[in-house]
C-alpha atoms as a PDB file:
ATOM      1  CA  UNK A   1      60.550 -10.924 -32.564  1.00  0.00           C
ATOM      2  CA  UNK A   2      58.743  -7.601 -32.545  1.00  0.00           C
ATOM      3  CA  UNK A   3      56.066  -6.781 -29.975  1.00  0.00           C
ATOM      4  CA  UNK A   4      53.418  -7.235 -32.665  1.00  0.00           C
ATOM      5  CA  UNK A   5      54.530 -10.759 -33.575  1.00  0.00           C
ATOM      6  CA  UNK A   6      55.015 -11.537 -29.907  1.00  0.00           C
ATOM      7  CA  UNK A   7      51.311 -10.832 -29.333  1.00  0.00           C
ATOM      8  CA  UNK A   8      50.329 -12.821 -32.436  1.00  0.00           C
ATOM      9  CA  UNK A   9      52.161 -15.925 -31.274  1.00  0.00           C
ATOM     10  CA  UNK A  10      50.988 -15.467 -27.679  1.00  0.00           C
ATOM     11  CA  UNK A  11      47.402 -15.551 -28.930  1.00  0.00           C
ATOM     12  CA  UNK A  12      48.255 -18.421 -31.285  1.00  0.00           C
ATOM     13  CA  UNK A  13      49.552 -20.433 -28.334  1.00  0.00           C
ATOM     14  CA  UNK A  14      46.244 -19.912 -26.536  1.00  0.00           C
ATOM     15  CA  UNK A  15      44.175 -20.988 -29.558  1.00  0.00           C
ATOM     16  CA  UNK A  16      46.259 -24.084 -30.299  1.00  0.00           C
ATOM     17  CA  UNK A  17      46.679 -25.208 -26.673  1.00  0.00           C
ATOM     18  CA  UNK A  18      43.085 -24.507 -25.728  1.00  0.00           C
ATOM     19  CA  UNK A  19      42.059 -26.389 -22.590  1.00  0.00           C
ATOM     20  CA  UNK A  20      45.683 -27.078 -21.618  1.00  0.00           C
ATOM     21  CA  UNK A  21      46.942 -23.524 -22.192  1.00  0.00           C
ATOM     22  CA  UNK A  22      50.147 -22.594 -20.399  1.00  0.00           C
ATOM     23  CA  UNK A  23      51.349 -19.023 -20.143  1.00  0.00           C
ATOM     24  CA  UNK A  24      54.347 -18.614 -22.501  1.00  0.00           C
ATOM     25  CA  UNK A  25      55.971 -16.438 -19.848  1.00  0.00           C
ATOM     26  CA  UNK A  26      55.523 -18.918 -16.994  1.00  0.00           C
ATOM     27  CA  UNK A  27      56.455 -21.840 -19.233  1.00  0.00           C
ATOM     28  CA  UNK A  28      59.575 -20.028 -20.423  1.00  0.00           C
ATOM     29  CA  UNK A  29      60.638 -19.349 -16.829  1.00  0.00           C
ATOM     30  CA  UNK A  30      60.174 -23.011 -15.924  1.00  0.00           C
ATOM     31  CA  UNK A  31      62.101 -24.119 -18.991  1.00  0.00           C
ATOM     32  CA  UNK A  32      65.040 -21.900 -18.080  1.00  0.00           C
ATOM     33  CA  UNK A  33      64.927 -23.215 -14.527  1.00  0.00           C
ATOM     34  CA  UNK A  34      64.924 -26.776 -15.838  1.00  0.00           C
ATOM     35  CA  UNK A  35      68.124 -26.142 -17.804  1.00  0.00           C
ATOM     36  CA  UNK A  36      69.814 -24.322 -14.942  1.00  0.00           C
ATOM     37  CA  UNK A  37      68.879 -26.891 -12.269  1.00  0.00           C
ATOM     38  CA  UNK A  38      68.545 -30.115 -14.276  1.00  0.00           C
ATOM     39  CA  UNK A  39      68.078 -33.215 -12.098  1.00  0.00           C
ATOM     40  CA  UNK A  40      68.445 -31.306  -8.836  1.00  0.00           C
ATOM     41  CA  UNK A  41      65.840 -30.564  -6.187  1.00  0.00           C
ATOM     42  CA  UNK A  42      65.350 -27.117  -7.788  1.00  0.00           C
ATOM     43  CA  UNK A  43      64.387 -28.601 -11.163  1.00  0.00           C
ATOM     44  CA  UNK A  44      60.625 -27.963 -11.651  1.00  0.00           C
ATOM     45  CA  UNK A  45      60.233 -31.369 -13.324  1.00  0.00           C
ATOM     46  CA  UNK A  46      62.723 -34.195 -12.846  1.00  0.00           C
ATOM     47  CA  UNK A  47      62.312 -37.985 -12.607  1.00  0.00           C
ATOM     48  CA  UNK A  48      65.357 -37.924 -10.316  1.00  0.00           C
ATOM     49  CA  UNK A  49      63.426 -36.135  -7.545  1.00  0.00           C
ATOM     50  CA  UNK A  50      59.895 -37.471  -7.955  1.00  0.00           C
ATOM     51  CA  UNK A  51      58.737 -40.974  -7.033  1.00  0.00           C
ATOM     52  CA  UNK A  52      56.528 -41.404 -10.093  1.00  0.00           C
ATOM     53  CA  UNK A  53      55.300 -39.525 -13.140  1.00  0.00           C
ATOM     54  CA  UNK A  54      52.095 -38.395 -11.400  1.00  0.00           C
ATOM     55  CA  UNK A  55      54.086 -36.833  -8.561  1.00  0.00           C
ATOM     56  CA  UNK A  56      56.268 -35.007 -11.082  1.00  0.00           C
ATOM     57  CA  UNK A  57      53.248 -33.697 -12.985  1.00  0.00           C
ATOM     58  CA  UNK A  58      51.591 -32.493  -9.767  1.00  0.00           C
ATOM     59  CA  UNK A  59      54.751 -30.720  -8.591  1.00  0.00           C
ATOM     60  CA  UNK A  60      55.165 -29.100 -12.000  1.00  0.00           C
ATOM     61  CA  UNK A  61      51.549 -27.940 -11.873  1.00  0.00           C
ATOM     62  CA  UNK A  62      52.002 -26.372  -8.442  1.00  0.00           C
ATOM     63  CA  UNK A  63      55.206 -24.568  -9.421  1.00  0.00           C
ATOM     64  CA  UNK A  64      53.561 -23.285 -12.613  1.00  0.00           C
ATOM     65  CA  UNK A  65      50.543 -21.871 -10.746  1.00  0.00           C
ATOM     66  CA  UNK A  66      52.751 -20.324  -8.068  1.00  0.00           C
ATOM     67  CA  UNK A  67      54.815 -18.597 -10.767  1.00  0.00           C
ATOM     68  CA  UNK A  68      51.568 -17.361 -12.286  1.00  0.00           C
ATOM     69  CA  UNK A  69      50.435 -15.970  -8.945  1.00  0.00           C
ATOM     70  CA  UNK A  70      53.827 -14.405  -8.252  1.00  0.00           C
ATOM     71  CA  UNK A  71      54.294 -16.467  -5.086  1.00  0.00           C
ATOM     72  CA  UNK A  72      57.226 -18.556  -6.310  1.00  0.00           C
ATOM     73  CA  UNK A  73      60.778 -17.173  -5.887  1.00  0.00           C
ATOM     74  CA  UNK A  74      62.179 -16.676  -9.393  1.00  0.00           C
ATOM     75  CA  UNK A  75      65.669 -15.345 -10.103  1.00  0.00           C
ATOM     76  CA  UNK A  76      65.788 -12.216 -12.254  1.00  0.00           C
ATOM     77  CA  UNK A  77      67.873 -13.976 -14.923  1.00  0.00           C
ATOM     78  CA  UNK A  78      64.955 -16.307 -15.667  1.00  0.00           C
ATOM     79  CA  UNK A  79      62.555 -13.462 -16.466  1.00  0.00           C
ATOM     80  CA  UNK A  80      64.839 -11.501 -18.820  1.00  0.00           C
ATOM     81  CA  UNK A  81      63.191 -10.673 -22.184  1.00  0.00           C
ATOM     82  CA  UNK A  82      60.180 -12.868 -21.464  1.00  0.00           C
ATOM     83  CA  UNK A  83      56.951 -12.084 -23.342  1.00  0.00           C
ATOM     84  CA  UNK A  84      54.014 -11.077 -21.187  1.00  0.00           C
ATOM     85  CA  UNK A  85      50.252 -10.683 -21.642  1.00  0.00           C
ATOM     86  CA  UNK A  86      48.673 -10.634 -18.188  1.00  0.00           C
ATOM     87  CA  UNK A  87      45.077 -10.427 -19.382  1.00  0.00           C
ATOM     88  CA  UNK A  88      45.374 -13.431 -21.685  1.00  0.00           C
ATOM     89  CA  UNK A  89      47.246 -15.402 -19.026  1.00  0.00           C
ATOM     90  CA  UNK A  90      44.458 -14.804 -16.491  1.00  0.00           C
ATOM     91  CA  UNK A  91      41.735 -15.744 -18.975  1.00  0.00           C
ATOM     92  CA  UNK A  92      43.593 -18.716 -20.499  1.00  0.00           C
ATOM     93  CA  UNK A  93      44.231 -20.230 -17.065  1.00  0.00           C
ATOM     94  CA  UNK A  94      40.682 -19.674 -15.830  1.00  0.00           C
ATOM     95  CA  UNK A  95      38.310 -22.572 -15.223  1.00  0.00           C
ATOM     96  CA  UNK A  96      35.728 -21.003 -17.526  1.00  0.00           C
ATOM     97  CA  UNK A  97      38.160 -20.831 -20.450  1.00  0.00           C
ATOM     98  CA  UNK A  98      39.197 -24.457 -19.991  1.00  0.00           C
ATOM     99  CA  UNK A  99      35.569 -25.626 -19.755  1.00  0.00           C
ATOM    100  CA  UNK A 100      34.631 -23.701 -22.901  1.00  0.00           C
ATOM    101  CA  UNK A 101      37.442 -25.412 -24.810  1.00  0.00           C
ATOM    102  CA  UNK A 102      36.299 -28.806 -23.494  1.00  0.00           C
ATOM    103  CA  UNK A 103      32.842 -27.978 -24.828  1.00  0.00           C
ATOM    104  CA  UNK A 104      34.260 -27.067 -28.234  1.00  0.00           C
ATOM    105  CA  UNK A 105      36.244 -30.304 -28.411  1.00  0.00           C
ATOM    106  CA  UNK A 106      33.240 -32.401 -27.352  1.00  0.00           C
ATOM    107  CA  UNK A 107      31.063 -30.740 -30.015  1.00  0.00           C
ATOM    108  CA  UNK A 108      33.682 -31.366 -32.715  1.00  0.00           C
ATOM    109  CA  UNK A 109      33.928 -35.050 -31.785  1.00  0.00           C
ATOM    110  CA  UNK A 110      30.152 -35.533 -31.609  1.00  0.00           C
ATOM    111  CA  UNK A 111      29.588 -33.664 -34.861  1.00  0.00           C
ATOM    112  CA  UNK A 112      32.435 -34.997 -36.997  1.00  0.00           C
ATOM    113  CA  UNK A 113      33.868 -38.208 -35.480  1.00  0.00           C
ATOM    114  CA  UNK A 114      33.235 -41.155 -37.863  1.00  0.00           C
ATOM    115  CA  UNK A 115      32.285 -43.432 -34.949  1.00  0.00           C
ATOM    116  CA  UNK A 116      31.348 -43.243 -31.273  1.00  0.00           C
ATOM    117  CA  UNK A 117      34.659 -44.851 -30.280  1.00  0.00           C
ATOM    118  CA  UNK A 118      36.561 -41.703 -31.254  1.00  0.00           C
ATOM    119  CA  UNK A 119      35.130 -40.077 -28.115  1.00  0.00           C
ATOM    120  CA  UNK A 120      37.630 -42.168 -26.155  1.00  0.00           C
ATOM    121  CA  UNK A 121      40.287 -39.805 -27.516  1.00  0.00           C
ATOM    122  CA  UNK A 122      38.556 -36.767 -25.991  1.00  0.00           C
ATOM    123  CA  UNK A 123      40.338 -36.962 -22.587  1.00  0.00           C
ATOM    124  CA  UNK A 124      43.698 -37.173 -24.379  1.00  0.00           C
ATOM    125  CA  UNK A 125      42.774 -34.133 -26.459  1.00  0.00           C
ATOM    126  CA  UNK A 126      41.737 -32.159 -23.382  1.00  0.00           C
ATOM    127  CA  UNK A 127      44.999 -32.946 -21.556  1.00  0.00           C
ATOM    128  CA  UNK A 128      47.319 -32.786 -24.555  1.00  0.00           C
ATOM    129  CA  UNK A 129      49.607 -30.163 -22.985  1.00  0.00           C
ATOM    130  CA  UNK A 130      50.344 -32.086 -19.776  1.00  0.00           C
ATOM    131  CA  UNK A 131      50.758 -35.313 -21.779  1.00  0.00           C
ATOM    132  CA  UNK A 132      53.316 -33.649 -24.042  1.00  0.00           C
ATOM    133  CA  UNK A 133      55.200 -32.369 -21.005  1.00  0.00           C
ATOM    134  CA  UNK A 134      55.083 -35.821 -19.435  1.00  0.00           C
ATOM    135  CA  UNK A 135      56.629 -37.505 -22.480  1.00  0.00           C
ATOM    136  CA  UNK A 136      59.533 -35.067 -22.632  1.00  0.00           C
ATOM    137  CA  UNK A 137      60.133 -34.309 -18.964  1.00  0.00           C
ATOM    138  CA  UNK A 138      59.746 -37.876 -17.677  1.00  0.00           C
ATOM    139  CA  UNK A 139      60.484 -40.347 -20.464  1.00  0.00           C
ATOM    140  CA  UNK A 140      63.172 -38.254 -22.188  1.00  0.00           C
ATOM    141  CA  UNK A 141      65.085 -38.253 -18.910  1.00  0.00           C
ATOM    142  CA  UNK A 142      64.773 -42.011 -18.411  1.00  0.00           C
ATOM    143  CA  UNK A 143      64.748 -43.796 -21.764  1.00  0.00           C
ATOM    144  CA  UNK A 144      66.419 -43.503 -25.145  1.00  0.00           C
ATOM    145  CA  UNK A 145      69.892 -42.954 -26.525  1.00  0.00           C
ATOM    146  CA  UNK A 146      72.621 -40.523 -25.596  1.00  0.00           C
ATOM    147  CA  UNK A 147      74.499 -38.653 -28.314  1.00  0.00           C
ATOM    148  CA  UNK A 148      76.550 -36.586 -25.884  1.00  0.00           C
ATOM    149  CA  UNK A 149      77.751 -37.309 -22.376  1.00  0.00           C
ATOM    150  CA  UNK A 150      76.245 -34.758 -19.998  1.00  0.00           C
ATOM    151  CA  UNK A 151      76.003 -34.133 -16.279  1.00  0.00           C
ATOM    152  CA  UNK A 152      72.277 -34.876 -16.428  1.00  0.00           C
ATOM    153  CA  UNK A 153      69.900 -37.659 -17.452  1.00  0.00           C
ATOM    154  CA  UNK A 154      68.674 -36.169 -20.758  1.00  0.00           C
ATOM    155  CA  UNK A 155      68.182 -38.653 -23.603  1.00  0.00           C
ATOM    156  CA  UNK A 156      66.984 -38.731 -27.206  1.00  0.00           C
ATOM    157  CA  UNK A 157      63.733 -40.670 -27.451  1.00  0.00           C
ATOM    158  CA  UNK A 158      63.835 -41.321 -31.196  1.00  0.00           C
ATOM    159  CA  UNK A 159      66.260 -41.485 -34.100  1.00  0.00           C
ATOM    160  CA  UNK A 160      63.686 -39.791 -36.333  1.00  0.00           C
ATOM    161  CA  UNK A 161      61.437 -37.757 -34.081  1.00  0.00           C
ATOM    162  CA  UNK A 162      58.100 -37.707 -35.885  1.00  0.00           C
ATOM    163  CA  UNK A 163      56.055 -37.949 -32.683  1.00  0.00           C
ATOM    164  CA  UNK A 164      57.369 -34.901 -30.773  1.00  0.00           C
ATOM    165  CA  UNK A 165      58.416 -32.887 -33.853  1.00  0.00           C
ATOM    166  CA  UNK A 166      62.046 -32.573 -32.761  1.00  0.00           C
ATOM    167  CA  UNK A 167      61.623 -32.139 -29.009  1.00  0.00           C
ATOM    168  CA  UNK A 168      62.389 -35.825 -28.544  1.00  0.00           C
ATOM    169  CA  UNK A 169      66.051 -34.955 -29.242  1.00  0.00           C
ATOM    170  CA  UNK A 170      66.274 -33.964 -25.600  1.00  0.00           C
ATOM    171  CA  UNK A 171      69.908 -34.915 -25.039  1.00  0.00           C
ATOM    172  CA  UNK A 172      70.895 -32.775 -28.025  1.00  0.00           C
ATOM    173  CA  UNK A 173      68.840 -29.887 -26.655  1.00  0.00           C
ATOM    174  CA  UNK A 174      70.484 -30.023 -23.230  1.00  0.00           C
ATOM    175  CA  UNK A 175      73.941 -29.953 -24.801  1.00  0.00           C
ATOM    176  CA  UNK A 176      73.055 -27.137 -27.233  1.00  0.00           C
ATOM    177  CA  UNK A 177      70.190 -25.296 -25.481  1.00  0.00           C
ATOM    178  CA  UNK A 178      70.381 -22.162 -27.632  1.00  0.00           C
ATOM    179  CA  UNK A 179      70.225 -23.967 -30.991  1.00  0.00           C
ATOM    180  CA  UNK A 180      66.960 -23.694 -32.907  1.00  0.00           C
ATOM    181  CA  UNK A 181      67.648 -27.007 -34.692  1.00  0.00           C
ATOM    182  CA  UNK A 182      67.461 -29.875 -32.184  1.00  0.00           C
ATOM    183  CA  UNK A 183      68.840 -32.426 -34.654  1.00  0.00           C
ATOM    184  CA  UNK A 184      72.626 -32.741 -34.597  1.00  0.00           C
ATOM    185  CA  UNK A 185      73.659 -36.192 -35.856  1.00  0.00           C
ATOM    186  CA  UNK A 186      73.373 -37.930 -39.227  1.00  0.00           C
ATOM    187  CA  UNK A 187      69.903 -39.376 -39.733  1.00  0.00           C
ATOM    188  CA  UNK A 188      68.195 -36.996 -37.301  1.00  0.00           C
ATOM    189  CA  UNK A 189      65.665 -34.431 -38.509  1.00  0.00           C
ATOM    190  CA  UNK A 190      63.914 -31.708 -36.530  1.00  0.00           C
ATOM    191  CA  UNK A 191      60.539 -31.229 -38.210  1.00  0.00           C
ATOM    192  CA  UNK A 192      60.061 -27.794 -36.638  1.00  0.00           C
ATOM    193  CA  UNK A 193      63.355 -26.323 -37.769  1.00  0.00           C
ATOM    194  CA  UNK A 194      62.261 -25.631 -41.405  1.00  0.00           C
ATOM    195  CA  UNK A 195      59.380 -23.575 -39.971  1.00  0.00           C
ATOM    196  CA  UNK A 196      61.778 -21.633 -37.734  1.00  0.00           C
ATOM    197  CA  UNK A 197      64.117 -21.135 -40.700  1.00  0.00           C
ATOM    198  CA  UNK A 198      61.243 -19.825 -42.845  1.00  0.00           C
ATOM    199  CA  UNK A 199      60.099 -17.427 -40.097  1.00  0.00           C
ATOM    200  CA  UNK A 200      63.645 -16.097 -39.995  1.00  0.00           C
ATOM    201  CA  UNK A 201      63.716 -15.568 -43.756  1.00  0.00           C
ATOM    202  CA  UNK A 202      60.390 -13.729 -43.550  1.00  0.00           C
ATOM    203  CA  UNK A 203      61.879 -11.429 -40.857  1.00  0.00           C
ATOM    204  CA  UNK A 204      59.202 -12.495 -38.385  1.00  0.00           C
ATOM    205  CA  UNK A 205      61.873 -13.750 -35.991  1.00  0.00           C
ATOM    206  CA  UNK A 206      65.527 -12.881 -35.582  1.00  0.00           C
ATOM    207  CA  UNK A 207      68.081 -15.554 -34.744  1.00  0.00           C
ATOM    208  CA  UNK A 208      70.346 -14.684 -31.824  1.00  0.00           C
ATOM    209  CA  UNK A 209      74.016 -15.509 -32.220  1.00  0.00           C
ATOM    210  CA  UNK A 210      74.428 -15.857 -28.466  1.00  0.00           C
ATOM    211  CA  UNK A 211      72.066 -17.441 -25.920  1.00  0.00           C
ATOM    212  CA  UNK A 212      70.309 -15.025 -23.570  1.00  0.00           C
ATOM    213  CA  UNK A 213      70.896 -17.130 -20.496  1.00  0.00           C
ATOM    214  CA  UNK A 214      73.550 -19.575 -19.307  1.00  0.00           C
END
């Protein structure tokens, strides 16, 4: 995408992720590392090398923050063509930003929730980003079906992935990492792909015929 649209979606990621904002650049680096080092000791998040899901989440957190601070050794191939907005990354990862988002969420629940019990969902809302990562990076490497034999533990969590909007087709994604449509078998449907297809038709994004990294 163009630099303009890159900034638009960078800002959009901050607004939609809120209290659990992750730098698109740092996240992209980790995602590339995950594909390159899947299920090895260099994988930033793998059930194969962590005793439990909390240990995996903590290790992922530490690697993410070290990448942000520039203290983690990252190969040059993982940073190629990555978007970057240093100012927004610093602000979005600050304690003040996260607390302000928590305040916004709390106000929305207090003001609009139909009953007091809805406040029990507030912690899940605050930590939505880490919870999403946990479902994919832990459970999608331990449970589910396998469409394609691979030299890793990736699995598809659902036949119709309504919960993770296509990302639950994790085995498919590891086999075809450069495909924008994660669905690949009859009966599967990637709910995000029509949006990606539309963005392509509107010339907001450009589909690459070849992956940028192996």
